[in-house]
């Protein structure tokens, strides 16, 4: 997360708390996480998906730079491992079997994205999963606000819209192969907003895909 966005998200989580899991979390649980796994979540926000995976028997750790969100989740669900931290700057962790990132890759710059995905590649053994959902360059908000970088715009907060082909290429270079890759709207309709999102689930493998 950009430093100038931290107060935006702290205020957002002060005002809103969503307990129900996201559609992407439910999708991943149903199709890829039927057995308990050791999961790291990048940018857990309100903790809705963190809590959902915990309730489904997973050993999960979440990271977010928003202290407000982490504190709130600590009060609501004190048994969950949720830490204040930048997911693009994580140190070594052992035994991680899956990395989950919903709506966080489009909230950080490309350098942070590459650091985070490189960490996942180093941390996951073969068979480990990388699960990502993010707004794409074909989303209706693309181009709205002040342009602040490649595919990046600033309104009341920062968004960097993901090029699906570019992300797939980056994952291949890092030793992942796609198990599922779809770009579509209809994945996460909320309050009249129907974003165009990339969903990608990739498995750590040194094979070329």
N, C-alpha and C. Protein backbone atom coordinates (compact mmCIF):
# COMPACT_ATOMS: atom_id res chain seq x y z
N UNK A 1 0.83 -1.20 0.00
CA UNK A 1 0.00 0.00 0.00
C UNK A 1 0.87 1.25 0.00
N UNK A 2 0.44 2.25 -0.78
CA UNK A 2 1.15 3.52 -0.79
C UNK A 2 0.95 4.22 0.55
N UNK A 3 2.02 4.86 1.09
CA UNK A 3 1.90 5.52 2.39
C UNK A 3 0.76 6.52 2.46
N UNK A 4 0.49 7.24 1.36
CA UNK A 4 -0.56 8.25 1.38
C UNK A 4 -1.96 7.65 1.35
N UNK A 5 -2.07 6.33 1.18
CA UNK A 5 -3.36 5.66 1.21
C UNK A 5 -3.69 5.09 2.58
N UNK A 6 -2.74 5.08 3.48
CA UNK A 6 -2.95 4.39 4.75
C UNK A 6 -4.12 4.98 5.54
N UNK A 7 -4.21 6.31 5.58
CA UNK A 7 -5.30 6.93 6.33
C UNK A 7 -6.64 6.67 5.66
N UNK A 8 -6.65 6.64 4.32
CA UNK A 8 -7.90 6.31 3.61
C UNK A 8 -8.43 4.96 4.07
N UNK A 9 -7.56 3.96 4.09
CA UNK A 9 -8.02 2.62 4.44
C UNK A 9 -8.30 2.48 5.93
N UNK A 10 -7.53 3.16 6.78
CA UNK A 10 -7.85 3.14 8.20
C UNK A 10 -9.24 3.70 8.45
N UNK A 11 -9.57 4.82 7.79
CA UNK A 11 -10.90 5.41 7.93
C UNK A 11 -11.97 4.49 7.34
N UNK A 12 -11.66 3.87 6.22
CA UNK A 12 -12.61 2.93 5.60
C UNK A 12 -12.98 1.81 6.56
N UNK A 13 -11.97 1.23 7.22
CA UNK A 13 -12.25 0.12 8.12
C UNK A 13 -12.84 0.58 9.44
N UNK A 14 -12.64 1.86 9.81
CA UNK A 14 -13.34 2.39 10.97
C UNK A 14 -14.84 2.47 10.71
N UNK A 15 -15.20 2.78 9.45
CA UNK A 15 -16.60 3.01 9.10
C UNK A 15 -17.33 1.73 8.69
N UNK A 16 -16.61 0.76 8.18
CA UNK A 16 -17.29 -0.42 7.62
C UNK A 16 -16.60 -1.70 8.07
N UNK A 17 -17.42 -2.67 8.41
CA UNK A 17 -16.90 -3.97 8.81
C UNK A 17 -17.77 -5.04 8.16
N UNK A 18 -17.19 -5.83 7.28
CA UNK A 18 -17.92 -6.87 6.56
C UNK A 18 -17.48 -8.22 7.10
N UNK A 19 -18.43 -8.98 7.62
CA UNK A 19 -18.09 -10.27 8.22
C UNK A 19 -18.19 -11.42 7.22
N UNK A 20 -19.06 -11.28 6.22
CA UNK A 20 -19.25 -12.38 5.28
C UNK A 20 -18.05 -12.52 4.35
N UNK A 21 -17.70 -13.74 3.97
CA UNK A 21 -16.55 -13.93 3.07
C UNK A 21 -16.84 -13.40 1.68
N UNK A 22 -15.78 -13.10 0.95
CA UNK A 22 -15.92 -12.65 -0.43
C UNK A 22 -16.26 -13.83 -1.34
N UNK A 23 -16.85 -13.57 -2.50
CA UNK A 23 -17.10 -14.66 -3.45
C UNK A 23 -15.81 -15.37 -3.87
N UNK A 24 -14.69 -14.64 -3.93
CA UNK A 24 -13.43 -15.27 -4.34
C UNK A 24 -12.96 -16.26 -3.28
N UNK A 25 -13.10 -15.90 -2.00
CA UNK A 25 -12.72 -16.83 -0.94
C UNK A 25 -13.55 -18.10 -1.01
N UNK A 26 -14.84 -17.94 -1.23
CA UNK A 26 -15.71 -19.12 -1.34
C UNK A 26 -15.34 -19.97 -2.55
N UNK A 27 -14.99 -19.32 -3.65
CA UNK A 27 -14.55 -20.04 -4.86
C UNK A 27 -13.28 -20.84 -4.58
N UNK A 28 -12.30 -20.20 -3.96
CA UNK A 28 -11.03 -20.89 -3.68
C UNK A 28 -11.24 -22.05 -2.71
N UNK A 29 -12.05 -21.82 -1.68
CA UNK A 29 -12.32 -22.88 -0.72
C UNK A 29 -12.97 -24.09 -1.40
N UNK A 30 -13.95 -23.83 -2.24
CA UNK A 30 -14.69 -24.92 -2.88
C UNK A 30 -13.83 -25.72 -3.86
N UNK A 31 -12.99 -25.02 -4.62
CA UNK A 31 -12.31 -25.69 -5.73
C UNK A 31 -10.85 -26.05 -5.46
N UNK A 32 -10.20 -25.36 -4.52
CA UNK A 32 -8.75 -25.57 -4.36
C UNK A 32 -8.29 -25.79 -2.93
N UNK A 33 -9.15 -25.55 -1.95
CA UNK A 33 -8.71 -25.60 -0.55
C UNK A 33 -9.58 -26.54 0.28
N UNK A 34 -9.96 -27.66 -0.31
CA UNK A 34 -10.84 -28.59 0.41
C UNK A 34 -10.13 -29.24 1.59
N UNK A 35 -8.80 -29.33 1.53
CA UNK A 35 -8.02 -29.86 2.65
C UNK A 35 -7.34 -28.70 3.39
N UNK A 36 -7.20 -28.80 4.71
CA UNK A 36 -6.56 -27.72 5.47
C UNK A 36 -5.15 -27.43 4.96
N UNK A 37 -4.84 -26.14 4.85
CA UNK A 37 -3.53 -25.71 4.38
C UNK A 37 -3.01 -24.59 5.26
N UNK A 38 -1.70 -24.40 5.18
CA UNK A 38 -1.04 -23.27 5.85
C UNK A 38 -1.02 -22.13 4.84
N UNK A 39 -1.78 -21.06 5.10
CA UNK A 39 -2.02 -19.99 4.14
C UNK A 39 -1.49 -18.66 4.67
N UNK A 40 -0.94 -17.86 3.77
CA UNK A 40 -0.66 -16.45 4.04
C UNK A 40 -1.59 -15.62 3.16
N UNK A 41 -2.24 -14.62 3.77
CA UNK A 41 -3.06 -13.70 2.99
C UNK A 41 -2.36 -12.35 2.88
N UNK A 42 -2.25 -11.85 1.66
CA UNK A 42 -1.70 -10.52 1.40
C UNK A 42 -2.81 -9.48 1.53
N UNK A 43 -2.69 -8.57 2.50
CA UNK A 43 -3.65 -7.48 2.63
C UNK A 43 -5.03 -7.96 3.04
N UNK A 44 -5.18 -8.32 4.31
CA UNK A 44 -6.41 -8.98 4.77
C UNK A 44 -7.57 -8.02 5.05
N UNK A 45 -7.31 -6.72 5.09
CA UNK A 45 -8.38 -5.74 5.25
C UNK A 45 -9.25 -6.00 6.47
N UNK A 46 -10.56 -6.12 6.26
CA UNK A 46 -11.51 -6.31 7.36
C UNK A 46 -11.40 -7.69 8.01
N UNK A 47 -10.61 -8.57 7.41
CA UNK A 47 -10.43 -9.91 7.97
C UNK A 47 -11.52 -10.89 7.59
N UNK A 48 -12.41 -10.49 6.68
CA UNK A 48 -13.56 -11.35 6.33
C UNK A 48 -13.12 -12.69 5.77
N UNK A 49 -12.12 -12.67 4.86
CA UNK A 49 -11.66 -13.93 4.26
C UNK A 49 -10.71 -14.66 5.20
N UNK A 50 -9.94 -13.91 5.97
CA UNK A 50 -9.07 -14.50 6.98
C UNK A 50 -9.91 -15.36 7.94
N UNK A 51 -11.00 -14.79 8.42
CA UNK A 51 -11.89 -15.51 9.34
C UNK A 51 -12.54 -16.71 8.66
N UNK A 52 -12.97 -16.54 7.42
CA UNK A 52 -13.61 -17.63 6.68
C UNK A 52 -12.67 -18.82 6.54
N UNK A 53 -11.43 -18.57 6.14
CA UNK A 53 -10.49 -19.68 5.98
C UNK A 53 -10.16 -20.32 7.33
N UNK A 54 -10.03 -19.50 8.36
CA UNK A 54 -9.79 -20.02 9.71
C UNK A 54 -10.93 -20.95 10.14
N UNK A 55 -12.16 -20.52 9.89
CA UNK A 55 -13.32 -21.32 10.27
C UNK A 55 -13.40 -22.62 9.46
N UNK A 56 -12.76 -22.65 8.31
CA UNK A 56 -12.74 -23.86 7.49
C UNK A 56 -11.52 -24.74 7.77
N UNK A 57 -10.85 -24.48 8.86
CA UNK A 57 -9.80 -25.37 9.33
C UNK A 57 -8.40 -25.07 8.86
N UNK A 58 -8.21 -23.94 8.16
CA UNK A 58 -6.88 -23.61 7.67
C UNK A 58 -6.06 -22.89 8.74
N UNK A 59 -4.77 -23.07 8.68
CA UNK A 59 -3.82 -22.35 9.53
C UNK A 59 -3.39 -21.12 8.74
N UNK A 60 -3.96 -19.97 9.04
CA UNK A 60 -3.78 -18.80 8.19
C UNK A 60 -3.21 -17.62 8.96
N UNK A 61 -2.32 -16.89 8.29
CA UNK A 61 -1.75 -15.65 8.82
C UNK A 61 -2.03 -14.54 7.82
N UNK A 62 -2.55 -13.43 8.31
CA UNK A 62 -2.82 -12.28 7.45
C UNK A 62 -1.90 -11.12 7.76
N UNK A 63 -1.61 -10.33 6.72
CA UNK A 63 -0.79 -9.13 6.87
C UNK A 63 -1.51 -7.95 6.25
N UNK A 64 -1.44 -6.80 6.91
CA UNK A 64 -1.99 -5.56 6.37
C UNK A 64 -1.29 -4.40 7.06
N UNK A 65 -1.11 -3.30 6.33
CA UNK A 65 -0.48 -2.12 6.92
C UNK A 65 -1.48 -1.26 7.68
N UNK A 66 -2.78 -1.56 7.61
CA UNK A 66 -3.81 -0.78 8.30
C UNK A 66 -3.96 -1.27 9.74
N UNK A 67 -3.38 -0.52 10.66
CA UNK A 67 -3.46 -0.91 12.06
C UNK A 67 -4.89 -0.96 12.57
N UNK A 68 -5.76 -0.07 12.05
CA UNK A 68 -7.17 -0.06 12.46
C UNK A 68 -7.83 -1.41 12.16
N UNK A 69 -7.59 -1.92 10.97
CA UNK A 69 -8.20 -3.19 10.57
C UNK A 69 -7.68 -4.33 11.43
N UNK A 70 -6.38 -4.36 11.66
CA UNK A 70 -5.79 -5.44 12.45
C UNK A 70 -6.33 -5.41 13.87
N UNK A 71 -6.44 -4.21 14.45
CA UNK A 71 -6.95 -4.08 15.82
C UNK A 71 -8.41 -4.52 15.90
N UNK A 72 -9.20 -4.13 14.91
CA UNK A 72 -10.62 -4.49 14.91
C UNK A 72 -10.80 -6.00 14.84
N UNK A 73 -10.06 -6.63 13.94
CA UNK A 73 -10.15 -8.10 13.82
C UNK A 73 -9.69 -8.76 15.11
N UNK A 74 -8.67 -8.20 15.75
CA UNK A 74 -8.19 -8.75 17.01
C UNK A 74 -9.26 -8.74 18.09
N UNK A 75 -10.13 -7.74 18.05
CA UNK A 75 -11.25 -7.67 19.01
C UNK A 75 -12.36 -8.65 18.63
N UNK A 76 -12.67 -8.73 17.34
CA UNK A 76 -13.76 -9.59 16.89
C UNK A 76 -13.39 -11.07 16.94
N UNK A 77 -12.20 -11.38 16.48
CA UNK A 77 -11.76 -12.77 16.36
C UNK A 77 -10.34 -12.90 16.93
N UNK A 78 -10.21 -12.93 18.25
CA UNK A 78 -8.88 -12.85 18.88
C UNK A 78 -7.97 -14.03 18.60
N UNK A 79 -8.51 -15.15 18.15
CA UNK A 79 -7.67 -16.33 17.92
C UNK A 79 -6.97 -16.31 16.56
N UNK A 80 -7.33 -15.36 15.71
CA UNK A 80 -6.77 -15.32 14.36
C UNK A 80 -5.43 -14.60 14.35
N UNK A 81 -4.49 -15.14 13.60
CA UNK A 81 -3.14 -14.56 13.48
C UNK A 81 -3.14 -13.47 12.41
N UNK A 82 -3.30 -12.24 12.82
CA UNK A 82 -3.38 -11.09 11.91
C UNK A 82 -2.36 -10.07 12.38
N UNK A 83 -1.45 -9.69 11.48
CA UNK A 83 -0.31 -8.86 11.87
C UNK A 83 -0.24 -7.58 11.04
N UNK A 84 0.19 -6.51 11.69
CA UNK A 84 0.50 -5.29 10.95
C UNK A 84 1.80 -5.52 10.20
N UNK A 85 1.76 -5.39 8.89
CA UNK A 85 2.96 -5.62 8.09
C UNK A 85 2.69 -5.41 6.62
N UNK A 86 3.74 -5.08 5.89
CA UNK A 86 3.68 -4.86 4.45
C UNK A 86 3.90 -6.19 3.74
N UNK A 87 2.90 -6.67 3.03
CA UNK A 87 3.03 -8.00 2.41
C UNK A 87 4.08 -8.04 1.30
N UNK A 88 4.53 -6.88 0.84
CA UNK A 88 5.59 -6.88 -0.17
C UNK A 88 6.98 -6.87 0.45
N UNK A 89 7.04 -6.92 1.79
CA UNK A 89 8.33 -6.86 2.49
C UNK A 89 8.45 -7.98 3.52
N UNK A 90 7.86 -9.12 3.27
CA UNK A 90 7.86 -10.19 4.25
C UNK A 90 9.20 -10.91 4.31
N UNK A 91 9.54 -11.35 5.51
CA UNK A 91 10.72 -12.17 5.70
C UNK A 91 10.39 -13.64 5.52
N UNK A 92 11.35 -14.52 5.80
CA UNK A 92 11.13 -15.95 5.59
C UNK A 92 10.02 -16.50 6.50
N UNK A 93 9.17 -17.34 5.94
CA UNK A 93 8.18 -18.11 6.69
C UNK A 93 8.25 -19.55 6.18
N UNK A 94 8.07 -20.49 7.07
CA UNK A 94 8.20 -21.89 6.68
C UNK A 94 6.83 -22.58 6.66
N UNK A 95 6.75 -23.62 5.85
CA UNK A 95 5.56 -24.46 5.82
C UNK A 95 4.36 -23.87 5.12
N UNK A 96 4.55 -22.78 4.37
CA UNK A 96 3.43 -22.13 3.70
C UNK A 96 3.03 -22.95 2.47
N UNK A 97 1.73 -23.23 2.36
CA UNK A 97 1.23 -24.06 1.27
C UNK A 97 0.36 -23.30 0.27
N UNK A 98 -0.06 -22.09 0.63
CA UNK A 98 -0.88 -21.29 -0.28
C UNK A 98 -0.74 -19.82 0.08
N UNK A 99 -0.81 -18.97 -0.95
CA UNK A 99 -0.81 -17.51 -0.77
C UNK A 99 -2.07 -16.98 -1.44
N UNK A 100 -2.80 -16.15 -0.70
CA UNK A 100 -4.10 -15.64 -1.15
C UNK A 100 -4.06 -14.12 -1.21
N UNK A 101 -4.49 -13.56 -2.33
CA UNK A 101 -4.45 -12.11 -2.53
C UNK A 101 -5.71 -11.66 -3.25
N UNK A 102 -6.61 -11.05 -2.52
CA UNK A 102 -7.85 -10.53 -3.13
C UNK A 102 -7.84 -9.01 -3.07
N UNK A 103 -7.85 -8.38 -4.24
CA UNK A 103 -7.97 -6.92 -4.38
C UNK A 103 -6.79 -6.19 -3.74
N UNK A 104 -5.66 -6.85 -3.66
CA UNK A 104 -4.48 -6.19 -3.10
C UNK A 104 -3.42 -5.88 -4.15
N UNK A 105 -3.31 -6.70 -5.18
CA UNK A 105 -2.31 -6.42 -6.20
C UNK A 105 -2.61 -5.13 -6.95
N UNK A 106 -3.89 -4.78 -7.09
CA UNK A 106 -4.20 -3.52 -7.78
C UNK A 106 -4.12 -2.32 -6.83
N UNK A 107 -3.78 -2.57 -5.56
CA UNK A 107 -3.63 -1.48 -4.59
C UNK A 107 -2.17 -1.10 -4.36
N UNK A 108 -1.25 -1.79 -5.03
CA UNK A 108 0.18 -1.52 -4.84
C UNK A 108 0.84 -1.30 -6.19
N UNK A 109 2.03 -0.70 -6.17
CA UNK A 109 2.73 -0.46 -7.43
C UNK A 109 3.36 -1.75 -7.95
N UNK A 110 3.88 -1.68 -9.16
CA UNK A 110 4.39 -2.88 -9.81
C UNK A 110 5.59 -3.47 -9.08
N UNK A 111 6.43 -2.60 -8.51
CA UNK A 111 7.59 -3.09 -7.76
C UNK A 111 7.14 -3.92 -6.56
N UNK A 112 6.14 -3.43 -5.84
CA UNK A 112 5.62 -4.17 -4.68
C UNK A 112 4.99 -5.48 -5.11
N UNK A 113 4.27 -5.45 -6.23
CA UNK A 113 3.68 -6.69 -6.75
C UNK A 113 4.76 -7.72 -7.04
N UNK A 114 5.81 -7.30 -7.71
CA UNK A 114 6.88 -8.23 -8.08
C UNK A 114 7.59 -8.78 -6.84
N UNK A 115 7.80 -7.92 -5.84
CA UNK A 115 8.43 -8.40 -4.60
C UNK A 115 7.54 -9.44 -3.92
N UNK A 116 6.24 -9.17 -3.88
CA UNK A 116 5.31 -10.09 -3.20
C UNK A 116 5.24 -11.43 -3.93
N UNK A 117 5.17 -11.39 -5.25
CA UNK A 117 5.08 -12.65 -6.00
C UNK A 117 6.40 -13.41 -5.96
N UNK A 118 7.51 -12.69 -5.93
CA UNK A 118 8.81 -13.35 -5.80
C UNK A 118 8.92 -14.04 -4.44
N UNK A 119 8.42 -13.37 -3.40
CA UNK A 119 8.41 -13.98 -2.06
C UNK A 119 7.59 -15.27 -2.09
N UNK A 120 6.42 -15.22 -2.73
CA UNK A 120 5.58 -16.42 -2.82
C UNK A 120 6.31 -17.54 -3.55
N UNK A 121 7.01 -17.20 -4.62
CA UNK A 121 7.74 -18.21 -5.38
C UNK A 121 8.85 -18.85 -4.54
N UNK A 122 9.55 -18.03 -3.76
CA UNK A 122 10.63 -18.56 -2.91
C UNK A 122 10.07 -19.38 -1.75
N UNK A 123 8.91 -19.01 -1.27
CA UNK A 123 8.36 -19.59 -0.05
C UNK A 123 7.60 -20.88 -0.29
N UNK A 124 6.87 -20.95 -1.40
CA UNK A 124 6.04 -22.12 -1.69
C UNK A 124 6.87 -23.26 -2.28
N UNK A 125 6.63 -24.46 -1.82
CA UNK A 125 7.21 -25.64 -2.45
C UNK A 125 6.39 -25.99 -3.69
N UNK A 126 6.91 -26.90 -4.51
CA UNK A 126 6.14 -27.36 -5.67
C UNK A 126 4.78 -27.88 -5.19
N UNK A 127 3.74 -27.49 -5.89
CA UNK A 127 2.38 -27.84 -5.49
C UNK A 127 1.69 -26.77 -4.68
N UNK A 128 2.45 -25.78 -4.19
CA UNK A 128 1.85 -24.67 -3.47
C UNK A 128 1.03 -23.79 -4.41
N UNK A 129 0.05 -23.09 -3.86
CA UNK A 129 -0.89 -22.32 -4.67
C UNK A 129 -0.75 -20.82 -4.46
N UNK A 130 -0.85 -20.08 -5.56
CA UNK A 130 -0.94 -18.62 -5.55
C UNK A 130 -2.31 -18.27 -6.10
N UNK A 131 -3.13 -17.57 -5.31
CA UNK A 131 -4.52 -17.26 -5.69
C UNK A 131 -4.71 -15.75 -5.68
N UNK A 132 -5.05 -15.18 -6.83
CA UNK A 132 -5.11 -13.73 -6.99
C UNK A 132 -6.43 -13.32 -7.64
N UNK A 133 -7.03 -12.26 -7.10
CA UNK A 133 -8.15 -11.58 -7.76
C UNK A 133 -7.85 -10.09 -7.74
N UNK A 134 -7.98 -9.42 -8.90
CA UNK A 134 -7.66 -7.99 -8.98
C UNK A 134 -8.36 -7.36 -10.17
N UNK A 135 -8.58 -6.04 -10.07
CA UNK A 135 -9.16 -5.28 -11.19
C UNK A 135 -8.18 -5.27 -12.36
N UNK A 136 -8.74 -5.29 -13.57
CA UNK A 136 -7.89 -5.32 -14.76
C UNK A 136 -8.00 -4.03 -15.56
N UNK A 137 -7.17 -3.94 -16.58
CA UNK A 137 -7.15 -2.78 -17.47
C UNK A 137 -8.45 -2.65 -18.27
N UNK A 138 -9.31 -3.64 -18.23
CA UNK A 138 -10.60 -3.57 -18.91
C UNK A 138 -11.75 -3.21 -17.97
N UNK A 139 -11.42 -2.85 -16.74
CA UNK A 139 -12.43 -2.43 -15.77
C UNK A 139 -12.95 -1.04 -16.11
N UNK A 140 -14.20 -0.75 -15.73
CA UNK A 140 -14.83 0.53 -16.06
C UNK A 140 -14.17 1.71 -15.36
N UNK A 141 -13.43 1.48 -14.28
CA UNK A 141 -12.76 2.58 -13.59
C UNK A 141 -11.38 2.91 -14.18
N UNK A 142 -10.94 2.10 -15.13
CA UNK A 142 -9.64 2.39 -15.76
C UNK A 142 -9.69 3.77 -16.41
N UNK A 143 -8.71 4.60 -16.11
CA UNK A 143 -8.65 5.95 -16.67
C UNK A 143 -9.32 7.01 -15.82
N UNK A 144 -10.01 6.62 -14.76
CA UNK A 144 -10.67 7.58 -13.88
C UNK A 144 -9.67 8.10 -12.85
N UNK A 145 -9.60 9.43 -12.71
CA UNK A 145 -8.67 10.03 -11.76
C UNK A 145 -7.39 10.50 -12.41
N UNK A 146 -6.45 10.88 -11.59
CA UNK A 146 -5.16 11.39 -12.06
C UNK A 146 -4.23 10.23 -12.40
N UNK A 147 -3.66 10.24 -13.58
CA UNK A 147 -2.71 9.19 -13.97
C UNK A 147 -1.42 9.37 -13.19
N UNK A 148 -0.99 8.33 -12.50
CA UNK A 148 0.20 8.42 -11.65
C UNK A 148 1.23 7.34 -11.98
N UNK A 149 1.05 6.65 -13.09
CA UNK A 149 1.99 5.61 -13.50
C UNK A 149 1.35 4.73 -14.56
N UNK A 150 2.09 3.73 -14.99
CA UNK A 150 1.56 2.81 -15.99
C UNK A 150 0.33 2.09 -15.46
N UNK A 151 -0.81 2.28 -16.12
CA UNK A 151 -2.08 1.66 -15.73
C UNK A 151 -2.50 2.03 -14.31
N UNK A 152 -1.99 3.13 -13.78
CA UNK A 152 -2.25 3.52 -12.39
C UNK A 152 -2.91 4.90 -12.34
N UNK A 153 -3.92 5.03 -11.49
CA UNK A 153 -4.69 6.27 -11.37
C UNK A 153 -5.03 6.52 -9.91
N UNK A 154 -5.15 7.80 -9.58
CA UNK A 154 -5.45 8.18 -8.20
C UNK A 154 -6.76 8.96 -8.16
N UNK A 155 -7.73 8.46 -7.38
CA UNK A 155 -8.97 9.19 -7.10
C UNK A 155 -8.90 9.60 -5.63
N UNK A 156 -9.71 8.99 -4.77
CA UNK A 156 -9.51 9.18 -3.34
C UNK A 156 -8.52 8.16 -2.79
N UNK A 157 -8.11 7.22 -3.64
CA UNK A 157 -7.03 6.30 -3.30
C UNK A 157 -6.44 5.75 -4.61
N UNK A 158 -5.37 5.00 -4.46
CA UNK A 158 -4.57 4.53 -5.59
C UNK A 158 -5.13 3.21 -6.13
N UNK A 159 -5.18 3.11 -7.45
CA UNK A 159 -5.47 1.83 -8.12
C UNK A 159 -4.51 1.64 -9.29
N UNK A 160 -3.97 0.45 -9.41
CA UNK A 160 -3.14 0.10 -10.57
C UNK A 160 -3.79 -1.12 -11.22
N UNK A 161 -4.30 -0.93 -12.39
CA UNK A 161 -5.10 -1.96 -13.05
C UNK A 161 -4.19 -3.01 -13.69
N UNK A 162 -4.54 -4.26 -13.48
CA UNK A 162 -3.68 -5.38 -13.85
C UNK A 162 -3.89 -5.78 -15.31
N UNK A 163 -2.78 -5.96 -16.01
CA UNK A 163 -2.79 -6.54 -17.36
C UNK A 163 -2.76 -8.06 -17.19
N UNK A 164 -3.83 -8.77 -17.51
CA UNK A 164 -3.86 -10.21 -17.27
C UNK A 164 -2.71 -10.97 -17.93
N UNK A 165 -2.39 -10.62 -19.17
CA UNK A 165 -1.29 -11.30 -19.85
C UNK A 165 0.04 -11.03 -19.16
N UNK A 166 0.22 -9.80 -18.70
CA UNK A 166 1.45 -9.45 -18.01
C UNK A 166 1.61 -10.21 -16.70
N UNK A 167 0.51 -10.33 -15.94
CA UNK A 167 0.60 -11.06 -14.68
C UNK A 167 0.84 -12.54 -14.94
N UNK A 168 0.18 -13.11 -15.93
CA UNK A 168 0.40 -14.52 -16.25
C UNK A 168 1.86 -14.77 -16.63
N UNK A 169 2.42 -13.84 -17.41
CA UNK A 169 3.82 -13.96 -17.81
C UNK A 169 4.74 -13.89 -16.59
N UNK A 170 4.47 -12.96 -15.68
CA UNK A 170 5.29 -12.84 -14.47
C UNK A 170 5.25 -14.11 -13.65
N UNK A 171 4.07 -14.69 -13.51
CA UNK A 171 3.94 -15.92 -12.74
C UNK A 171 4.69 -17.08 -13.39
N UNK A 172 4.63 -17.16 -14.71
CA UNK A 172 5.38 -18.21 -15.42
C UNK A 172 6.87 -18.09 -15.14
N UNK A 173 7.38 -16.86 -15.22
CA UNK A 173 8.81 -16.64 -14.98
C UNK A 173 9.22 -17.03 -13.57
N UNK A 174 8.27 -16.96 -12.64
CA UNK A 174 8.56 -17.29 -11.24
C UNK A 174 8.31 -18.76 -10.92
N UNK A 175 8.00 -19.55 -11.93
CA UNK A 175 7.86 -20.99 -11.72
C UNK A 175 6.46 -21.46 -11.39
N UNK A 176 5.45 -20.69 -11.79
CA UNK A 176 4.06 -21.09 -11.56
C UNK A 176 3.42 -21.53 -12.88
N UNK A 177 2.46 -22.43 -12.78
CA UNK A 177 1.64 -22.78 -13.93
C UNK A 177 0.17 -22.55 -13.57
N UNK A 178 -0.59 -22.03 -14.51
CA UNK A 178 -1.98 -21.67 -14.26
C UNK A 178 -2.87 -22.91 -14.17
N UNK A 179 -3.62 -23.01 -13.10
CA UNK A 179 -4.67 -24.01 -12.99
C UNK A 179 -6.01 -23.42 -13.43
N UNK A 180 -6.14 -22.11 -13.24
CA UNK A 180 -7.39 -21.40 -13.57
C UNK A 180 -7.02 -19.96 -13.86
N UNK A 181 -7.53 -19.42 -14.95
CA UNK A 181 -7.30 -18.01 -15.29
C UNK A 181 -8.48 -17.49 -16.10
N UNK A 182 -9.26 -16.59 -15.50
CA UNK A 182 -10.44 -16.02 -16.16
C UNK A 182 -10.51 -14.54 -15.84
N UNK A 183 -10.79 -13.74 -16.86
CA UNK A 183 -11.07 -12.31 -16.68
C UNK A 183 -12.54 -12.09 -17.01
N UNK A 184 -13.27 -11.47 -16.07
CA UNK A 184 -14.71 -11.30 -16.28
C UNK A 184 -15.28 -10.30 -15.30
N UNK A 185 -16.46 -9.75 -15.64
CA UNK A 185 -17.25 -9.08 -14.63
C UNK A 185 -18.16 -10.14 -14.00
N UNK A 186 -19.01 -9.72 -13.08
CA UNK A 186 -19.92 -10.65 -12.43
C UNK A 186 -19.34 -11.42 -11.26
N UNK A 187 -18.05 -11.28 -11.01
CA UNK A 187 -17.41 -12.02 -9.92
C UNK A 187 -17.71 -11.40 -8.55
N UNK A 188 -17.84 -10.08 -8.51
CA UNK A 188 -17.95 -9.41 -7.21
C UNK A 188 -18.80 -8.15 -7.35
N UNK A 189 -20.10 -8.32 -7.50
CA UNK A 189 -21.03 -7.20 -7.65
C UNK A 189 -21.41 -6.69 -6.27
N UNK A 190 -21.24 -5.38 -6.06
CA UNK A 190 -21.52 -4.81 -4.73
C UNK A 190 -21.95 -3.36 -4.87
N UNK A 191 -23.12 -3.04 -4.33
CA UNK A 191 -23.64 -1.67 -4.36
C UNK A 191 -23.63 -1.07 -5.77
N UNK A 192 -24.00 -1.87 -6.75
CA UNK A 192 -24.07 -1.39 -8.12
C UNK A 192 -22.77 -1.40 -8.87
N UNK A 193 -21.67 -1.71 -8.20
CA UNK A 193 -20.36 -1.79 -8.87
C UNK A 193 -20.13 -3.22 -9.34
N UNK A 194 -19.78 -3.38 -10.60
CA UNK A 194 -19.57 -4.70 -11.18
C UNK A 194 -18.22 -4.70 -11.89
N UNK A 195 -17.13 -4.81 -11.14
CA UNK A 195 -15.80 -4.66 -11.73
C UNK A 195 -15.41 -5.81 -12.65
N UNK A 196 -14.54 -5.50 -13.59
CA UNK A 196 -13.90 -6.54 -14.41
C UNK A 196 -12.66 -7.00 -13.66
N UNK A 197 -12.63 -8.27 -13.32
CA UNK A 197 -11.58 -8.81 -12.47
C UNK A 197 -10.85 -9.96 -13.16
N UNK A 198 -9.58 -10.08 -12.81
CA UNK A 198 -8.81 -11.27 -13.14
C UNK A 198 -8.84 -12.20 -11.94
N UNK A 199 -9.21 -13.43 -12.18
CA UNK A 199 -9.01 -14.49 -11.19
C UNK A 199 -7.98 -15.44 -11.75
N UNK A 200 -6.95 -15.66 -10.95
CA UNK A 200 -5.93 -16.61 -11.38
C UNK A 200 -5.50 -17.46 -10.18
N UNK A 201 -5.50 -18.76 -10.38
CA UNK A 201 -4.98 -19.70 -9.40
C UNK A 201 -3.83 -20.43 -10.08
N UNK A 202 -2.65 -20.31 -9.51
CA UNK A 202 -1.45 -20.89 -10.12
C UNK A 202 -0.74 -21.79 -9.13
N UNK A 203 -0.18 -22.85 -9.66
CA UNK A 203 0.53 -23.83 -8.84
C UNK A 203 2.02 -23.69 -9.03
N UNK A 204 2.76 -23.71 -7.93
CA UNK A 204 4.22 -23.64 -8.02
C UNK A 204 4.73 -24.92 -8.68
N UNK A 205 5.43 -24.74 -9.78
CA UNK A 205 5.95 -25.86 -10.55
C UNK A 205 7.05 -25.34 -11.44
N UNK A 206 8.11 -26.07 -11.57
CA UNK A 206 9.19 -25.63 -12.45
C UNK A 206 8.94 -26.00 -13.90
N UNK A 207 7.81 -26.68 -14.15
CA UNK A 207 7.47 -27.02 -15.53
C UNK A 207 7.04 -25.76 -16.28
N UNK A 208 7.26 -25.73 -17.57
CA UNK A 208 6.86 -24.59 -18.40
C UNK A 208 5.42 -24.78 -18.83
N UNK A 209 4.63 -23.72 -18.78
CA UNK A 209 3.23 -23.82 -19.22
C UNK A 209 2.94 -22.77 -20.25
